[in-house]
Protein backbone atom coordinates (compact mmCIF):
# COMPACT_ATOMS: atom_id res chain seq x y z
CA MET A 1 87.78 -8.31 25.65
CA SER A 2 91.10 -7.17 27.13
CA ASN A 3 93.14 -4.38 25.55
CA SER A 4 96.47 -5.91 26.58
CA LEU A 5 97.89 -8.96 24.90
CA GLU A 6 99.59 -11.67 26.91
CA PRO A 7 103.24 -12.36 26.03
CA PRO A 8 103.81 -15.46 23.88
CA GLU A 9 106.14 -16.85 26.54
CA THR A 10 107.16 -15.94 30.09
CA VAL A 11 110.68 -16.83 31.20
CA GLU A 12 111.80 -16.76 34.84
CA ALA A 13 115.25 -15.24 35.27
CA ASP A 14 117.77 -15.34 38.10
CA ASP A 15 119.31 -11.98 37.17
CA GLU A 16 117.90 -8.57 36.21
CA VAL A 17 120.02 -8.56 33.04
CA VAL A 18 118.96 -11.17 30.49
CA SER A 19 119.66 -11.92 26.85
CA CYS A 20 117.13 -12.93 24.23
CA ASP A 21 117.67 -14.24 20.71
CA GLY A 22 114.10 -15.32 20.01
CA GLY A 23 115.05 -18.99 20.26
CA GLY A 24 115.21 -21.48 17.44
CA ALA A 25 116.47 -21.12 13.89
CA LEU A 26 114.13 -18.24 13.07
CA GLY A 27 115.03 -16.07 16.06
CA HIS A 28 116.32 -12.52 16.04
CA PRO A 29 119.63 -10.79 16.86
CA ARG A 30 120.71 -11.33 20.46
CA VAL A 31 119.76 -8.39 22.64
CA TRP A 32 120.59 -7.69 26.28
CA LEU A 33 117.71 -6.44 28.41
CA ASN A 34 117.89 -4.83 31.87
CA MET A 35 114.85 -4.97 34.16
CA GLU A 36 116.22 -1.93 36.04
CA GLY A 37 114.48 -2.81 39.30
CA LYS A 38 111.05 -3.34 37.68
CA GLY A 39 111.10 -7.12 38.11
CA GLN A 40 110.19 -7.82 34.49
CA ILE A 41 110.89 -6.76 30.92
CA ASP A 42 109.50 -7.66 27.50
CA CYS A 43 111.75 -8.31 24.50
CA PRO A 44 111.15 -5.62 21.85
CA TYR A 45 111.64 -8.18 19.05
CA CYS A 46 109.62 -11.25 20.06
CA ASP A 47 107.60 -10.01 23.08
CA ARG A 48 108.95 -12.74 25.38
CA ARG A 49 108.47 -11.59 28.96
CA PHE A 50 111.34 -12.07 31.39
CA VAL A 51 110.35 -12.05 35.06
CA LEU A 52 112.78 -12.00 37.97
CA ARG A 53 112.39 -15.32 39.78
CA GLN A 54 110.95 -15.01 43.28
CA GLY A 55 113.81 -15.07 45.76
CA ALA A 56 116.38 -14.03 43.15
CA ARG A 57 118.59 -11.19 44.19
CA ALA A 58 118.42 -8.02 42.15
CA SER A 59 121.86 -7.29 40.74
CA ALA A 60 123.89 -4.28 41.78
CA GLY A 61 124.27 -3.32 38.13
CA HIS A 62 126.30 -4.45 35.14
C-alpha cells in the first residue's frame, strides 16, 4: 500500500501560473497557483494537480 494518494485529476498547463476554482457548481473560490519552477503544483482546496506541459516555456514571472 502506498503512503501517497494520487490527485483526483491532473491538468496539463501551458503556463507556470494557473487558476483553479474546483470546476462545476460545487467548486471552491478561485485561487491562483504558481509552480515557481517546480513544474507542478497541487491545489490546496481540491487537490487537482497542475503539471507544466512538456515543451511549454516557463514564464519569466507574473
